């Protein structure tokens, strides 16, 4: 099997991978197993200190991959003893039957033996092609190399090792004053296609040295997911492998996080939102980053319906790709959403430009204004339903020929 040609870096990519500080109690390593890619690392190991608490959210797909099912069984277990995250890229180990379950067991057991920890504390993820058996023996053969190269400073190569069709690695971090010491949160993600909100919509690994009890950490992660990863979409397709894991090593000198600690909660949310936005900026073939803001909806559910109907509309997304301010397609997407809507109360704006209101085009709007605005890389579509007080925000990208080219020959 040969590699697809390396895609160009997304025009929406940040200038470089951020300088991420090390997290006390976490060491990383990456290696090249040769199971999919010829010239790059494709497996990643994160070793976590004893006592690390772990929270996570996972895809609700009915065809969840074997590693997801295994993680879901383990996530609520005891926090004593060391732990590990293990990821392979290129093969999703999804819809692989008993073979897939065996691959997960083989990898997690071998990782546990290599690191001297319980297999119940090894969380594995796989990403890539669906329906092909995973060559786990070749992956397990890299464990000795991974163990000997573990380093607190190796987060950057670890972030690169988990990529598939991504054109750049995605990372974010924050350091702030806790009660009695500094607290650091850092993480990385992969995701570019098969992205739609149904929990995490990608693979995400976040680490902190804070002391956080597992139930509280789980609550914080689940809450933040609803306004970050569950508000993004590239193509409306939910992956079989979506996994978000957060590890808190407890090695900061700061006091334990409590339910009233708004600073930690806000920092975790900001990291998750940053990574979610980077996934959209790396949407397959994307040239535009699109924010959809819905106000005045009758209910939160209606606000979400409208935002995601617009965000997932191929007609809206292709118009944006062509820099065509075709606001009629937005009207269409609002109408088909299933949310309560009133033609004469609906208002649509591109950024600060009022486009339509009171059942018709706004009297001061000109096509030239819309054309000029659509040339921006970052686009904001404001939709005021005029019916209530509920709001939401969603993020998506445009739909270009590049998306078709990437996915038409994904397995070749």
Protein backbone atom coordinates (compact mmCIF):
# COMPACT_ATOMS: atom_id res chain seq x y z
CA UNK A 1 0.00 0.00 0.00
CA UNK A 2 1.35 3.43 -0.92
CA UNK A 3 0.69 6.83 0.56
CA UNK A 4 -1.62 9.33 -1.04
CA UNK A 5 0.27 12.48 -2.11
CA UNK A 6 0.75 14.72 0.91
CA UNK A 7 -1.93 17.43 0.81
CA UNK A 8 -1.00 21.08 0.88
CA UNK A 9 -1.38 22.74 4.25
CA UNK A 10 -4.82 24.27 4.69
CA UNK A 11 -4.89 28.02 3.88
CA UNK A 12 -6.68 28.43 7.22
CA UNK A 13 -3.90 26.77 9.23
CA UNK A 14 -2.07 28.62 12.02
CA UNK A 15 1.47 29.72 11.23
CA UNK A 16 2.98 26.89 13.28
CA UNK A 17 2.32 24.30 15.95
CA UNK A 18 2.21 26.11 19.30
CA UNK A 19 5.00 25.92 21.85
CA UNK A 20 3.29 23.64 24.38
CA UNK A 21 4.74 23.28 27.89
CA UNK A 22 5.31 19.86 29.41
CA UNK A 23 2.78 18.48 31.88
CA UNK A 24 4.12 16.99 35.11
CA UNK A 25 3.24 13.31 35.16
CA UNK A 26 2.96 12.82 31.39
CA UNK A 27 5.56 11.47 28.94
CA UNK A 28 5.11 10.97 25.19
CA UNK A 29 6.66 8.90 22.42
CA UNK A 30 5.90 8.22 18.76
CA UNK A 31 7.17 5.72 16.20
CA UNK A 32 6.72 4.40 12.66
CA UNK A 33 5.00 1.01 12.50
CA UNK A 34 4.70 0.84 8.71
CA UNK A 35 1.11 -0.42 8.88
CA UNK A 36 -0.18 2.40 6.63
CA UNK A 37 2.20 5.30 6.04
CA UNK A 38 5.64 4.93 4.50
CA UNK A 39 7.54 7.96 5.70
CA UNK A 40 6.10 9.15 9.01
CA UNK A 41 5.33 8.12 12.56
CA UNK A 42 1.89 6.53 12.92
CA UNK A 43 1.70 5.36 16.54
CA UNK A 44 1.69 7.44 19.72
CA UNK A 45 2.07 6.52 23.38
CA UNK A 46 1.32 8.77 26.36
CA UNK A 47 2.42 7.42 29.76
CA UNK A 48 0.48 8.82 32.73
CA UNK A 49 1.65 8.93 36.34
CA UNK A 50 0.03 6.79 39.06
CA UNK A 51 -3.13 8.37 40.42
CA UNK A 52 -4.05 10.14 37.19
CA UNK A 53 -7.81 10.64 36.86
CA UNK A 54 -9.26 10.14 33.37
CA UNK A 55 -12.50 11.41 31.85
CA UNK A 56 -13.83 10.99 28.35
CA UNK A 57 -16.66 11.28 25.88
CA UNK A 58 -17.16 9.08 22.84
CA UNK A 59 -19.11 8.78 19.61
CA UNK A 60 -22.72 7.69 19.86
CA UNK A 61 -22.47 5.97 16.48
CA UNK A 62 -24.22 2.59 16.40
CA UNK A 63 -21.14 1.20 14.62
CA UNK A 64 -18.55 2.31 17.17
CA UNK A 65 -15.03 1.00 16.66
CA UNK A 66 -13.58 -1.69 18.93
CA UNK A 67 -11.21 0.74 20.73
CA UNK A 68 -14.14 3.06 21.54
CA UNK A 69 -16.15 0.24 23.08
CA UNK A 70 -13.12 -0.81 25.14
CA UNK A 71 -12.53 2.75 26.37
CA UNK A 72 -16.17 3.13 27.35
CA UNK A 73 -15.94 0.01 29.51
CA UNK A 74 -12.84 1.29 31.28
CA UNK A 75 -13.50 5.01 31.69
CA UNK A 76 -15.19 4.84 35.10
CA UNK A 77 -12.63 2.53 36.69
CA UNK A 78 -10.28 3.15 39.63
CA UNK A 79 -7.64 5.89 39.38
CA UNK A 80 -4.85 4.15 41.29
CA UNK A 81 -1.78 2.97 39.41
CA UNK A 82 -0.27 4.32 36.23
CA UNK A 83 -2.19 4.70 32.96
CA UNK A 84 -1.57 5.16 29.26
CA UNK A 85 -3.11 6.37 26.01
CA UNK A 86 -2.11 4.49 22.84
CA UNK A 87 -3.10 5.65 19.34
CA UNK A 88 -2.50 4.29 15.85
CA UNK A 89 -3.23 6.19 12.63
CA UNK A 90 -4.18 4.78 9.22
CA UNK A 91 -6.58 2.04 10.31
CA UNK A 92 -9.74 2.71 12.35
CA UNK A 93 -10.14 -0.89 13.57
CA UNK A 94 -13.87 -0.33 13.05
CA UNK A 95 -16.35 -2.92 11.74
CA UNK A 96 -13.66 -5.58 12.06
CA UNK A 97 -15.64 -8.06 14.19
CA UNK A 98 -13.91 -10.35 16.65
CA UNK A 99 -10.57 -9.59 14.99
CA UNK A 100 -10.95 -5.95 16.03
CA UNK A 101 -11.70 -6.88 19.63
CA UNK A 102 -8.65 -9.14 19.63
CA UNK A 103 -6.47 -6.34 18.28
CA UNK A 104 -7.56 -4.01 21.08
CA UNK A 105 -6.87 -6.67 23.70
CA UNK A 106 -3.47 -7.46 22.22
CA UNK A 107 -2.41 -3.81 22.08
CA UNK A 108 -3.70 -2.83 25.53
CA UNK A 109 -2.28 -5.95 27.20
CA UNK A 110 1.11 -5.52 25.55
CA UNK A 111 1.20 -1.83 26.48
CA UNK A 112 0.32 -2.67 30.07
CA UNK A 113 3.06 -5.29 30.26
CA UNK A 114 5.62 -2.93 28.72
CA UNK A 115 4.84 -0.12 31.17
CA UNK A 116 4.12 -2.30 34.20
CA UNK A 117 0.54 -1.11 34.64
CA UNK A 118 -2.93 -2.66 34.59
CA UNK A 119 -4.53 -3.26 31.18
CA UNK A 120 -7.70 -1.72 32.62
CA UNK A 121 -5.80 1.60 32.65
CA UNK A 122 -4.70 1.48 28.99
CA UNK A 123 -6.98 3.46 26.67
CA UNK A 124 -6.43 2.87 22.95
CA UNK A 125 -7.70 4.68 19.86
CA UNK A 126 -7.49 3.94 16.16
CA UNK A 127 -8.20 6.24 13.22
CA UNK A 128 -8.22 5.71 9.47
CA UNK A 129 -9.85 3.27 7.07
CA UNK A 130 -12.95 1.38 8.25
CA UNK A 131 -13.41 -2.37 7.71
CA UNK A 132 -9.80 -3.49 7.34
CA UNK A 133 -8.15 -5.77 9.92
CA UNK A 134 -5.53 -4.02 12.04
CA UNK A 135 -2.00 -5.42 11.80
CA UNK A 136 -1.54 -5.17 15.54
CA UNK A 137 1.59 -7.32 15.67
CA UNK A 138 3.55 -4.64 13.78
CA UNK A 139 2.23 -2.01 16.17
CA UNK A 140 3.05 -4.04 19.29
CA UNK A 141 6.57 -4.55 17.95
CA UNK A 142 7.18 -0.80 18.40
CA UNK A 143 6.39 -0.76 22.13
CA UNK A 144 9.97 -1.30 23.29
CA UNK A 145 11.12 1.60 21.12
CA UNK A 146 8.28 3.75 22.40
CA UNK A 147 9.13 2.99 26.03
CA UNK A 148 12.80 3.89 25.63
CA UNK A 149 12.01 7.21 23.90
CA UNK A 150 9.34 8.46 26.32
CA UNK A 151 9.88 12.13 27.09
CA UNK A 152 7.93 14.93 28.78
CA UNK A 153 8.96 17.20 25.89
CA UNK A 154 7.76 14.99 23.01
CA UNK A 155 4.20 16.29 22.72
CA UNK A 156 4.80 17.82 19.26
CA UNK A 157 5.82 14.58 17.48
CA UNK A 158 3.04 12.78 19.35
CA UNK A 159 0.50 15.23 17.94
CA UNK A 160 1.83 14.65 14.41
CA UNK A 161 1.78 10.86 14.71
CA UNK A 162 -2.02 10.62 15.06
CA UNK A 163 -2.89 12.49 11.83
CA UNK A 164 -4.64 10.98 8.79
CA UNK A 165 -5.93 13.39 6.11
CA UNK A 166 -5.10 16.34 8.36
CA UNK A 167 -2.81 18.94 6.82
CA UNK A 168 -1.50 20.22 10.15
CA UNK A 169 -1.21 19.09 13.76
CA UNK A 170 -3.54 20.82 16.20
CA UNK A 171 -2.40 21.86 19.67
CA UNK A 172 -3.35 24.30 22.42
CA UNK A 173 -2.31 25.04 25.99
CA UNK A 174 -2.90 27.36 28.93
CA UNK A 175 -1.08 28.05 32.22
CA UNK A 176 -2.71 29.98 35.03
CA UNK A 177 -2.54 30.55 38.78
CA UNK A 178 -4.41 28.03 40.89
CA UNK A 179 -4.90 28.05 44.64
CA UNK A 180 -1.31 27.51 45.83
CA UNK A 181 0.47 26.95 42.52
CA UNK A 182 0.47 27.06 38.73
CA UNK A 183 -1.83 24.81 36.73
CA UNK A 184 -1.17 23.82 33.11
CA UNK A 185 -3.58 22.33 30.59
CA UNK A 186 -2.35 21.16 27.18
CA UNK A 187 -3.76 19.03 24.42
CA UNK A 188 -3.78 18.01 20.79
CA UNK A 189 -6.34 16.76 18.32
CA UNK A 190 -6.75 15.19 14.92
CA UNK A 191 -9.69 15.66 12.62
CA UNK A 192 -10.31 16.88 9.09
CA UNK A 193 -13.15 14.86 7.54
CA UNK A 194 -16.01 12.68 8.77
CA UNK A 195 -16.68 15.50 11.23
CA UNK A 196 -20.19 16.08 12.63
CA UNK A 197 -21.34 16.81 16.17
CA UNK A 198 -22.18 13.73 18.20
CA UNK A 199 -19.77 14.19 21.14
CA UNK A 200 -16.16 14.76 20.16
CA UNK A 201 -16.12 14.45 16.36
CA UNK A 202 -12.44 13.52 16.24
CA UNK A 203 -9.60 12.20 18.39
CA UNK A 204 -8.61 14.57 21.20
CA UNK A 205 -6.17 14.13 24.08
CA UNK A 206 -5.92 16.75 26.81
CA UNK A 207 -3.60 16.67 29.82
CA UNK A 208 -3.40 18.73 32.99
CA UNK A 209 -1.33 18.63 36.18
CA UNK A 210 -4.35 19.75 38.23
CA UNK A 211 -5.84 17.67 41.01
CA UNK A 212 -9.40 16.85 39.95
CA UNK A 213 -11.67 14.07 41.16
CA UNK A 214 -12.88 11.90 38.29
CA UNK A 215 -16.63 12.61 38.65
CA UNK A 216 -16.02 16.36 38.60
CA UNK A 217 -13.59 16.10 35.67
CA UNK A 218 -16.13 14.01 33.75
CA UNK A 219 -18.84 16.58 34.38
CA UNK A 220 -16.60 19.44 33.22
CA UNK A 221 -15.56 17.61 30.06
CA UNK A 222 -19.11 16.62 29.11
CA UNK A 223 -20.40 20.14 29.73
CA UNK A 224 -17.65 21.81 27.69
CA UNK A 225 -18.11 19.33 24.83
CA UNK A 226 -21.67 20.55 24.22
CA UNK A 227 -20.49 24.08 23.35
CA UNK A 228 -17.24 23.14 21.58
CA UNK A 229 -16.85 19.85 19.72
CA UNK A 230 -20.59 19.30 19.47
CA UNK A 231 -20.94 22.63 17.65
CA UNK A 232 -18.65 21.87 14.72
CA UNK A 233 -19.28 20.12 11.41
CA UNK A 234 -17.29 19.63 8.22
CA UNK A 235 -19.46 17.23 6.26
CA UNK A 236 -22.31 16.04 8.55
CA UNK A 237 -20.75 12.55 8.87
CA UNK A 238 -20.13 11.22 12.38
CA UNK A 239 -17.06 9.02 12.79
CA UNK A 240 -17.09 5.50 14.23
CA UNK A 241 -13.98 6.38 16.23
CA UNK A 242 -14.64 9.73 17.93
CA UNK A 243 -12.81 9.86 21.25
CA UNK A 244 -12.00 12.67 23.67
CA UNK A 245 -9.85 11.75 26.68
CA UNK A 246 -8.73 14.12 29.43
CA UNK A 247 -6.09 13.12 31.98
CA UNK A 248 -5.42 14.97 35.25
CA UNK A 249 -2.16 13.87 36.88
CA UNK A 250 -2.62 15.82 40.12
CA UNK A 251 1.05 16.81 40.24
CA UNK A 252 0.54 20.57 40.46
CA UNK A 253 1.13 22.11 43.89
CA UNK A 254 -2.20 23.91 43.56
CA UNK A 255 -5.13 22.83 45.70
CA UNK A 256 -7.64 20.34 44.35
CA UNK A 257 -10.15 21.74 41.87
CA UNK A 258 -13.66 22.10 43.24
CA UNK A 259 -17.03 22.38 41.55
CA UNK A 260 -16.98 26.16 42.11
CA UNK A 261 -13.60 26.65 40.41
CA UNK A 262 -14.59 28.74 37.40
CA UNK A 263 -10.99 29.44 36.34
CA UNK A 264 -10.13 25.80 35.61
CA UNK A 265 -13.49 25.18 33.96
CA UNK A 266 -13.04 28.21 31.69
CA UNK A 267 -9.48 27.26 30.75
CA UNK A 268 -10.52 23.71 29.86
CA UNK A 269 -13.38 25.06 27.75
CA UNK A 270 -11.06 27.46 25.93
CA UNK A 271 -8.58 24.68 25.10
CA UNK A 272 -11.39 22.49 23.77
CA UNK A 273 -12.86 25.33 21.70
CA UNK A 274 -9.44 26.21 20.27
CA UNK A 275 -8.90 22.61 19.16
CA UNK A 276 -12.44 22.38 17.76
CA UNK A 277 -11.88 25.50 15.67
CA UNK A 278 -8.57 24.11 14.38
CA UNK A 279 -10.37 21.00 13.16
CA UNK A 280 -12.73 23.18 11.12
CA UNK A 281 -9.80 25.20 9.80
CA UNK A 282 -8.37 21.89 8.57
CA UNK A 283 -11.64 20.64 7.08
CA UNK A 284 -10.92 18.56 4.01
CA UNK A 285 -10.50 20.98 1.11
CA UNK A 286 -11.56 23.97 3.24
CA UNK A 287 -10.78 27.55 2.19
CA UNK A 288 -13.27 29.38 4.45
CA UNK A 289 -13.91 29.26 8.22
CA UNK A 290 -17.61 29.88 8.83
CA UNK A 291 -19.28 30.91 12.08
CA UNK A 292 -23.08 30.66 12.25
CA UNK A 293 -24.73 32.64 15.04
CA UNK A 294 -28.42 32.04 15.71
CA UNK A 295 -30.40 34.35 17.98
CA UNK A 296 -34.08 34.84 18.78
CA UNK A 297 -35.06 31.17 18.56
CA UNK A 298 -38.04 29.78 20.48
CA UNK A 299 -35.91 27.11 22.19
CA UNK A 300 -32.31 25.93 22.51
CA UNK A 301 -33.26 22.92 20.41
CA UNK A 302 -34.60 25.12 17.63
CA UNK A 303 -31.49 27.31 17.72
CA UNK A 304 -29.30 24.21 17.31
CA UNK A 305 -31.51 22.86 14.49
CA UNK A 306 -31.18 26.08 12.51
CA UNK A 307 -27.43 26.43 13.04
CA UNK A 308 -26.66 22.87 12.01
CA UNK A 309 -29.08 22.93 9.07
CA UNK A 310 -27.22 25.92 7.65
CA UNK A 311 -23.79 24.52 8.59
CA UNK A 312 -24.47 21.18 6.89
CA UNK A 313 -26.19 22.47 3.75
CA UNK A 314 -24.15 21.57 0.65
CA UNK A 315 -25.82 24.45 -1.19
CA UNK A 316 -24.80 26.99 1.45
CA UNK A 317 -21.28 25.56 1.73
CA UNK A 318 -20.65 25.47 -2.03
CA UNK A 319 -21.93 29.03 -2.41
CA UNK A 320 -19.43 30.14 0.23
CA UNK A 321 -16.68 28.23 -1.58
CA UNK A 322 -17.56 30.13 -4.75
CA UNK A 323 -17.71 33.44 -2.82
CA UNK A 324 -21.34 33.79 -3.89
CA UNK A 325 -23.49 35.70 -1.33
CA UNK A 326 -26.52 33.54 -2.13
CA UNK A 327 -28.56 34.33 0.97
CA UNK A 328 -31.57 32.54 -0.49
CA UNK A 329 -29.83 29.26 0.30
CA UNK A 330 -29.62 30.29 3.96
CA UNK A 331 -33.36 31.00 3.92
CA UNK A 332 -33.85 27.52 2.47
CA UNK A 333 -31.72 25.88 5.16
CA UNK A 334 -33.59 27.70 7.94
CA UNK A 335 -36.90 26.59 6.49
CA UNK A 336 -35.96 22.91 6.23
CA UNK A 337 -34.46 22.73 9.73
CA UNK A 338 -37.69 21.77 11.45
CA UNK A 339 -37.42 24.74 13.83
CA UNK A 340 -40.23 27.24 14.32
CA UNK A 341 -39.74 30.13 11.87
CA UNK A 342 -41.66 33.16 10.64
CA UNK A 343 -40.78 34.65 7.26
CA UNK A 344 -41.58 38.19 8.35
CA UNK A 345 -39.53 38.04 11.57
CA UNK A 346 -36.43 36.40 10.15
CA UNK A 347 -33.30 38.54 9.65
CA UNK A 348 -30.02 37.46 8.02
CA UNK A 349 -26.68 39.28 8.08
CA UNK A 350 -23.22 38.63 6.66
CA UNK A 351 -21.03 39.98 9.45
CA UNK A 352 -22.37 43.49 10.10
CA UNK A 353 -24.10 43.67 6.71
CA UNK A 354 -27.90 43.29 7.00
CA UNK A 355 -28.95 41.19 4.02
CA UNK A 356 -32.59 40.27 4.54
CA UNK A 357 -35.37 41.22 6.96
CA UNK A 358 -39.16 41.42 7.23
CA UNK A 359 -39.72 38.79 4.58
CA UNK A 360 -37.56 40.41 1.87
CA UNK A 361 -34.11 41.68 0.98
CA UNK A 362 -32.98 44.56 3.23
CA UNK A 363 -33.56 47.90 1.47
CA UNK A 364 -29.94 49.09 1.87
CA UNK A 365 -28.27 45.82 0.90
CA UNK A 366 -26.37 45.58 -2.38
CA UNK A 367 -24.98 42.50 -4.11
CA UNK A 368 -21.59 44.23 -4.25
CA UNK A 369 -21.49 44.32 -0.45
CA UNK A 370 -22.14 40.60 -0.26
CA UNK A 371 -19.57 39.74 -2.93
CA UNK A 372 -16.90 41.77 -1.16
CA UNK A 373 -17.66 40.17 2.20
CA UNK A 374 -17.51 36.62 0.84
CA UNK A 375 -13.89 37.15 -0.21
CA UNK A 376 -12.87 37.00 3.47
CA UNK A 377 -11.36 33.77 4.81
CA UNK A 378 -13.43 34.04 8.00
CA UNK A 379 -17.18 34.38 7.39
CA UNK A 380 -19.90 35.05 9.98
CA UNK A 381 -23.56 34.37 9.18
CA UNK A 382 -26.00 35.91 11.67
CA UNK A 383 -29.55 34.56 11.76
CA UNK A 384 -32.12 36.25 14.01
CA UNK A 385 -35.30 34.17 14.21
CA UNK A 386 -37.23 36.97 15.96
CA UNK A 387 -39.27 34.49 17.99
CA UNK A 388 -37.65 34.12 21.41
CA UNK A 389 -34.49 34.51 23.48
CA UNK A 390 -32.53 31.33 22.72
CA UNK A 391 -29.15 31.40 20.96
CA UNK A 392 -26.38 29.14 19.76
CA UNK A 393 -23.19 29.21 17.70
CA UNK A 394 -21.91 26.61 15.24
CA UNK A 395 -18.77 26.44 13.13
CA UNK A 396 -18.21 24.88 9.73
CA UNK A 397 -16.20 25.34 6.54
CA UNK A 398 -16.94 25.61 2.86
CA UNK A 399 -17.34 22.63 0.51
CA UNK A 400 -14.86 22.60 -2.37
CA UNK A 401 -13.57 20.31 -5.12
CA UNK A 402 -10.73 19.48 -2.73
CA UNK A 403 -13.11 17.58 -0.44
CA UNK A 404 -14.17 15.35 -3.34
CA UNK A 405 -10.58 14.74 -4.44
CA UNK A 406 -9.50 13.70 -0.95
CA UNK A 407 -12.41 11.35 -0.35
CA UNK A 408 -12.83 9.87 -3.81
CA UNK A 409 -9.56 7.94 -3.49
CA UNK A 410 -9.13 7.83 0.31
CA UNK A 411 -8.27 4.10 0.32
CA UNK A 412 -5.89 4.15 -2.65
